Amino acid sequence: MAATNPQTSASQDAQTEPRNQKITTFLWFNDNAEEAANFYCSVFKNAKILNTTHYGDAGPGPKGSVMTVDFELDGQRFTGLNGGPQYKFTEAISLLVHCKTQEEIDYYWEKLSEGGAQVACGWLKDKFGLSWQITPDILLELIGDPDEQKQQRAFKAMMTMTKIDIKQLEDAARG
């Protein structure tokens, strides 16, 4: 759906930089892809805008407006497209943020849910409508534990939570 004659605002190096990532997540926004990319880059400490392209004469967007923005969050590349209002994000896809500590969970939960919605079981929607899972690694370990009783207790505890609480998970898993 790329328009012809996109104008770029990044250096040639950024455009031709080798892509070590085989698959890039492509996110369709109405008209705020650049705002979203800047927001995500402000939340994640190891993040940067890589490239921005603009619509030319033939594009569906106004000439000179942002068409795409390539950005990176903790080594993961994304592209945001200002494609118009035809499509909206759904919970059918989400981005999972692996967390080691409760402090990390609290940080990402607060930042990403601001202006959005806190859902359940560590899921939230950000102010752009994109779904995120703020998940401690210990949760994945507990629900994959060979002890089925421990699995069930951890899973049952998680199902009662909005934001995941590591101590409550561990306490529940122990019984």
Protein backbone atom coordinates (compact mmCIF):
# COMPACT_ATOMS: atom_id res chain seq x y z
CA MET A 1 0.00 0.00 0.00
CA ALA A 2 3.04 2.28 -0.30
CA ALA A 3 2.57 5.40 -2.37
CA THR A 4 4.83 6.18 -5.27
CA ASN A 5 7.50 8.84 -4.90
CA PRO A 6 7.86 8.69 -1.12
CA GLN A 7 10.26 11.32 0.13
CA THR A 8 12.56 10.28 2.94
CA SER A 9 13.90 12.38 5.80
CA ALA A 10 16.53 9.96 7.09
CA SER A 11 20.09 9.62 5.93
CA GLN A 12 20.98 7.14 3.19
CA ASP A 13 22.81 5.07 5.84
CA ALA A 14 19.58 4.56 7.82
CA GLN A 15 17.74 3.53 4.66
CA THR A 16 20.36 0.99 3.60
CA GLU A 17 21.30 -0.23 7.08
CA PRO A 18 21.37 -4.05 7.04
CA ARG A 19 18.34 -5.70 8.58
CA ASN A 20 19.31 -8.49 10.94
CA GLN A 21 15.66 -9.08 11.68
CA LYS A 22 13.92 -11.27 9.08
CA ILE A 23 10.39 -10.22 10.08
CA THR A 24 9.34 -6.67 11.01
CA THR A 25 6.09 -5.89 12.80
CA PHE A 26 4.12 -3.46 10.62
CA LEU A 27 1.55 -1.35 12.49
CA TRP A 28 -1.32 0.44 10.68
CA PHE A 29 -2.30 3.79 12.20
CA ASN A 30 -4.86 6.27 10.95
CA ASP A 31 -2.66 9.38 10.94
CA ASN A 32 -0.53 9.25 14.10
CA ALA A 33 2.22 6.71 13.37
CA GLU A 34 4.95 9.26 14.07
CA GLU A 35 3.36 10.27 17.40
CA ALA A 36 3.06 6.59 18.36
CA ALA A 37 6.67 5.81 17.41
CA ASN A 38 7.91 8.79 19.43
CA PHE A 39 5.79 7.68 22.39
CA TYR A 40 7.08 4.09 22.25
CA CYS A 41 10.66 5.37 21.95
CA SER A 42 10.11 7.49 25.07
CA VAL A 43 8.90 4.45 27.05
CA PHE A 44 11.65 2.02 26.09
CA LYS A 45 15.14 3.11 27.11
CA ASN A 46 16.94 1.33 24.24
CA ALA A 47 14.89 2.81 21.40
CA LYS A 48 15.27 5.04 18.38
CA ILE A 49 13.58 6.33 15.25
CA LEU A 50 15.37 4.86 12.24
CA ASN A 51 13.69 6.39 9.21
CA THR A 52 10.66 8.44 8.18
CA THR A 53 9.11 8.60 4.71
CA HIS A 54 6.59 11.13 3.46
CA TYR A 55 3.76 10.96 0.96
CA GLY A 56 4.43 12.41 -2.47
CA ASP A 57 1.90 13.56 -5.07
CA ALA A 58 0.36 10.11 -5.63
CA GLY A 59 -0.16 9.07 -2.01
CA PRO A 60 -3.44 8.81 -0.14
CA GLY A 61 -2.07 11.17 2.52
CA PRO A 62 -1.48 14.89 2.04
CA LYS A 63 1.72 15.60 0.15
CA GLY A 64 4.61 15.89 2.59
CA SER A 65 2.77 14.17 5.47
CA VAL A 66 4.36 11.18 7.18
CA MET A 67 3.72 7.91 5.36
CA THR A 68 5.88 5.51 7.39
CA VAL A 69 8.16 5.63 10.38
CA ASP A 70 10.66 2.88 11.13
CA PHE A 71 11.67 2.55 14.76
CA GLU A 72 13.43 0.14 17.06
CA LEU A 73 12.52 -0.89 20.61
CA ASP A 74 15.15 -2.94 22.45
CA GLY A 75 16.56 -4.28 19.19
CA GLN A 76 13.13 -5.12 17.68
CA ARG A 77 12.26 -3.20 14.52
CA PHE A 78 8.79 -1.88 13.76
CA THR A 79 7.24 0.15 10.97
CA GLY A 80 4.27 2.43 11.56
CA LEU A 81 2.13 3.36 8.55
CA ASN A 82 -0.31 6.25 8.35
CA GLY A 83 -2.77 4.27 6.24
CA GLY A 84 -6.07 5.89 7.13
CA PRO A 85 -9.05 4.91 9.27
CA GLN A 86 -9.96 1.64 7.48
CA TYR A 87 -8.35 -0.66 10.06
CA LYS A 88 -8.12 -0.64 13.84
CA PHE A 89 -6.01 -2.67 16.25
CA THR A 90 -7.69 -5.59 18.00
CA GLU A 91 -6.68 -7.90 20.81
CA ALA A 92 -6.04 -10.57 18.17
CA ILE A 93 -2.43 -9.38 18.23
CA SER A 94 -0.43 -7.99 21.12
CA LEU A 95 3.14 -7.14 21.98
CA LEU A 96 4.55 -8.98 24.99
CA VAL A 97 7.08 -7.19 27.19
CA HIS A 98 9.19 -9.66 29.20
CA CYS A 99 9.90 -8.34 32.69
CA LYS A 100 12.27 -9.66 35.34
CA THR A 101 11.14 -7.54 38.31
CA GLN A 102 8.02 -5.98 39.77
CA GLU A 103 9.61 -2.57 39.21
CA GLU A 104 9.79 -3.29 35.47
CA ILE A 105 6.16 -4.44 35.44
CA ASP A 106 5.07 -1.31 37.30
CA TYR A 107 7.05 0.97 34.96
CA TYR A 108 5.75 -0.47 31.68
CA TRP A 109 2.23 -0.85 33.05
CA GLU A 110 2.06 2.80 34.08
CA LYS A 111 3.67 4.20 30.94
CA LEU A 112 1.90 2.09 28.33
CA SER A 113 -1.57 2.18 29.90
CA GLU A 114 -1.59 5.97 30.34
CA GLY A 115 -4.44 7.27 28.20
CA GLY A 116 -5.40 3.71 27.27
CA ALA A 117 -7.08 0.91 29.20
CA GLN A 118 -5.91 -1.60 31.79
CA VAL A 119 -7.56 -4.85 30.82
CA ALA A 120 -6.81 -8.11 32.69
CA CYS A 121 -4.12 -10.74 33.30
CA GLY A 122 -1.29 -8.33 32.48
CA TRP A 123 -2.94 -7.05 29.27
CA LEU A 124 -3.49 -3.40 28.49
CA LYS A 125 -4.33 -1.21 25.52
CA ASP A 126 -2.23 1.88 24.96
CA LYS A 127 -3.63 5.26 23.91
CA PHE A 128 -3.30 4.24 20.25
CA GLY A 129 -5.36 1.07 20.76
CA LEU A 130 -2.43 -1.37 20.53
CA SER A 131 -2.58 -4.31 22.96
CA TRP A 132 0.40 -5.13 25.17
CA GLN A 133 1.11 -7.93 27.65
CA ILE A 134 3.31 -6.86 30.54
CA THR A 135 4.53 -10.27 31.66
CA PRO A 136 7.05 -11.35 34.25
CA ASP A 137 9.25 -14.23 33.12
CA ILE A 138 8.38 -16.01 36.37
CA LEU A 139 4.76 -16.27 35.21
CA LEU A 140 5.82 -18.16 32.10
CA GLU A 141 8.00 -20.42 34.22
CA LEU A 142 5.22 -21.10 36.75
CA ILE A 143 2.53 -21.94 34.21
CA GLY A 144 5.02 -24.23 32.46
CA ASP A 145 6.12 -25.94 35.69
CA PRO A 146 6.04 -29.76 35.60
CA ASP A 147 3.98 -29.72 38.82
CA GLU A 148 0.41 -29.40 37.51
CA GLN A 149 -0.94 -28.21 40.87
CA LYS A 150 1.62 -25.41 40.92
CA GLN A 151 0.68 -24.51 37.32
CA GLN A 152 -3.01 -24.36 38.19
CA ARG A 153 -2.47 -22.25 41.32
CA ALA A 154 -0.30 -19.75 39.41
CA PHE A 155 -2.74 -19.61 36.51
CA LYS A 156 -5.72 -19.16 38.81
CA ALA A 157 -3.93 -16.32 40.64
CA MET A 158 -3.04 -14.63 37.33
CA MET A 159 -6.69 -14.77 36.23
CA THR A 160 -7.68 -12.62 39.23
CA MET A 161 -5.16 -9.88 38.43
CA THR A 162 -5.26 -6.84 36.21
CA LYS A 163 -1.58 -5.88 36.55
CA ILE A 164 0.55 -8.93 37.38
CA ASP A 165 1.98 -9.06 40.88
CA ILE A 166 5.03 -11.35 41.12
CA LYS A 167 4.81 -11.90 44.90
CA GLN A 168 1.14 -12.93 44.69
CA LEU A 169 1.97 -15.32 41.83
CA GLU A 170 4.81 -16.92 43.75
CA ASP A 171 2.73 -17.18 46.92
CA ALA A 172 -0.14 -18.81 45.02
CA ALA A 173 2.19 -21.23 43.24
CA ARG A 174 3.65 -22.37 46.58
CA GLY A 175 0.12 -22.99 47.85
